[in-house]
Protein backbone atom coordinates (compact mmCIF):
# COMPACT_ATOMS: atom_id res chain seq x y z
CA UNK A 1 25.17 26.71 -0.07
CA UNK A 2 24.80 23.80 3.38
CA UNK A 3 23.33 19.77 3.41
CA UNK A 4 20.51 20.19 5.74
CA UNK A 5 20.78 17.20 7.70
CA UNK A 6 17.57 14.35 7.82
CA UNK A 7 15.95 14.84 11.25
CA UNK A 8 15.26 11.22 12.35
CA UNK A 9 11.21 10.82 13.15
CA UNK A 10 10.61 11.57 17.09
CA UNK A 11 9.75 7.63 19.51
CA UNK A 12 6.23 8.74 18.34
CA UNK A 13 7.22 7.69 14.04
CA UNK A 14 8.31 4.41 15.76
CA UNK A 15 5.74 3.64 16.99
CA UNK A 16 3.15 4.16 13.99
CA UNK A 17 5.69 2.40 12.10
CA UNK A 18 5.39 -0.21 14.44
CA UNK A 19 1.21 0.17 14.70
CA UNK A 20 1.51 -0.81 11.15
CA UNK A 21 3.73 -3.62 11.88
CA UNK A 22 1.50 -5.34 13.83
CA UNK A 23 -0.94 -4.53 11.69
CA UNK A 24 1.48 -6.04 8.72
CA UNK A 25 2.64 -9.69 10.45
CA UNK A 26 -1.50 -9.74 10.97
CA UNK A 27 -1.37 -10.62 6.87
CA UNK A 28 1.70 -12.54 6.95
CA UNK A 29 3.58 -15.73 6.85
CA UNK A 30 5.47 -14.71 9.65
CA UNK A 31 6.84 -16.81 12.69
CA UNK A 32 6.16 -14.12 14.94
CA UNK A 33 2.53 -14.24 12.33
CA UNK A 34 1.12 -17.77 15.03
CA UNK A 35 0.98 -15.47 17.64
CA UNK A 36 -2.89 -14.94 18.21
CA UNK A 37 -3.73 -11.22 17.40
CA UNK A 38 -7.66 -9.50 19.10
CA UNK A 39 -7.64 -8.29 15.01
CA UNK A 40 -11.81 -8.76 14.10
CA UNK A 41 -13.02 -11.69 11.61
CA UNK A 42 -15.42 -9.76 10.72
CA UNK A 43 -14.39 -7.30 8.10
CA UNK A 44 -11.45 -7.42 6.56
CA UNK A 45 -7.87 -6.49 7.89
CA UNK A 46 -6.77 -3.17 6.57
CA UNK A 47 -3.71 -2.66 4.40
CA UNK A 48 -0.74 -2.06 6.79
CA UNK A 49 0.77 1.33 5.36
CA UNK A 50 4.03 0.08 5.46
CA UNK A 51 6.44 -1.09 2.75
CA UNK A 52 7.81 -5.43 2.85
CA UNK A 53 10.96 -4.54 3.75
CA UNK A 54 10.42 -2.02 6.36
CA UNK A 55 7.87 -4.78 8.15
CA UNK A 56 11.05 -7.45 7.78
CA UNK A 57 13.31 -5.39 9.48
CA UNK A 58 11.18 -4.99 11.99
CA UNK A 59 9.82 -8.10 12.29
CA UNK A 60 13.92 -9.47 12.81
CA UNK A 61 14.28 -6.13 15.44
CA UNK A 62 11.21 -7.40 17.38
CA UNK A 63 12.38 -10.84 17.32
CA UNK A 64 15.50 -10.18 19.16
CA UNK A 65 14.28 -7.29 21.56
CA UNK A 66 12.47 -10.66 22.47
CA UNK A 67 15.52 -12.63 22.23
CA UNK A 68 17.08 -10.18 24.44
CA UNK A 69 14.80 -8.34 27.46
CA UNK A 70 11.14 -11.58 26.47
CA UNK A 71 8.57 -9.76 28.75
CA UNK A 72 9.56 -6.03 27.03
CA UNK A 73 9.13 -7.96 23.37
CA UNK A 74 5.96 -9.94 24.76
CA UNK A 75 4.59 -6.84 25.67
CA UNK A 76 5.73 -5.07 22.70
CA UNK A 77 3.79 -7.75 20.58
CA UNK A 78 1.05 -8.43 22.47
CA UNK A 79 0.21 -4.07 22.32
CA UNK A 80 1.15 -3.90 18.45
CA UNK A 81 -0.47 -7.24 16.66
CA UNK A 82 -2.03 -9.27 19.51
CA UNK A 83 -3.47 -5.52 20.47
CA UNK A 84 -4.54 -6.22 23.28
CA UNK A 85 -4.71 -3.04 26.50
CA UNK A 86 -2.34 -2.67 28.80
CA UNK A 87 -4.27 -4.61 31.62
CA UNK A 88 -4.78 -8.06 29.23
CA UNK A 89 -1.19 -7.54 28.71
CA UNK A 90 -1.14 -7.13 32.37
CA UNK A 91 -3.08 -9.66 33.85
CA UNK A 92 -1.08 -12.48 30.66
CA UNK A 93 2.60 -11.48 32.57
CA UNK A 94 0.77 -11.20 35.60
CA UNK A 95 2.04 -7.78 36.30
CA UNK A 96 0.27 -4.15 37.16
CA UNK A 97 -1.21 -2.12 34.52
CA UNK A 98 1.46 0.20 35.50
CA UNK A 99 4.05 -2.10 35.00
CA UNK A 100 2.74 -3.12 31.22
CA UNK A 101 2.57 0.43 30.32
CA UNK A 102 5.99 0.88 31.02
CA UNK A 103 7.14 -2.86 29.84
CA UNK A 104 5.61 -1.39 26.22
CA UNK A 105 7.68 1.74 26.17
CA UNK A 106 10.67 0.23 26.78
CA UNK A 107 10.35 -1.98 24.07
CA UNK A 108 9.72 0.81 21.89
CA UNK A 109 12.55 3.18 23.40
CA UNK A 110 14.47 -0.40 22.29
CA UNK A 111 13.24 -0.60 18.67
CA UNK A 112 13.52 2.66 18.31
CA UNK A 113 17.43 2.80 19.05
CA UNK A 114 17.56 0.21 17.13
CA UNK A 115 16.25 1.79 14.54
CA UNK A 116 18.18 5.12 14.76
CA UNK A 117 21.28 1.92 14.75
CA UNK A 118 20.83 0.84 11.46
CA UNK A 119 20.21 4.52 9.70
CA UNK A 120 16.58 3.33 8.54
CA UNK A 121 16.03 6.26 5.97
CA UNK A 122 12.14 7.33 6.68
């Protein structure tokens, strides 16, 4: 019998983890939770579908990204936690919409690589 290697999830799964992290961040006391989110206050936030350990690991990874590639980290935080559109992010960063979208893609790829390096089990 041969062992079957677990296939690492694609970047889309990393994006979903970041969506859940953004929701977790809105409900947590993380140092980054001071960043203003655009979640509606009219209704309660749904519970994030991510455990605290995974969310905290993502939190540390995003903090590291912000320290290395500040603009990518800020764009990622605005997108997944602040829930801002590409246009809103572009306006805040003084770039165009396509550049904002590219920054977020690069940031997600960076996080995806970091998850891979940390051998996160999904």
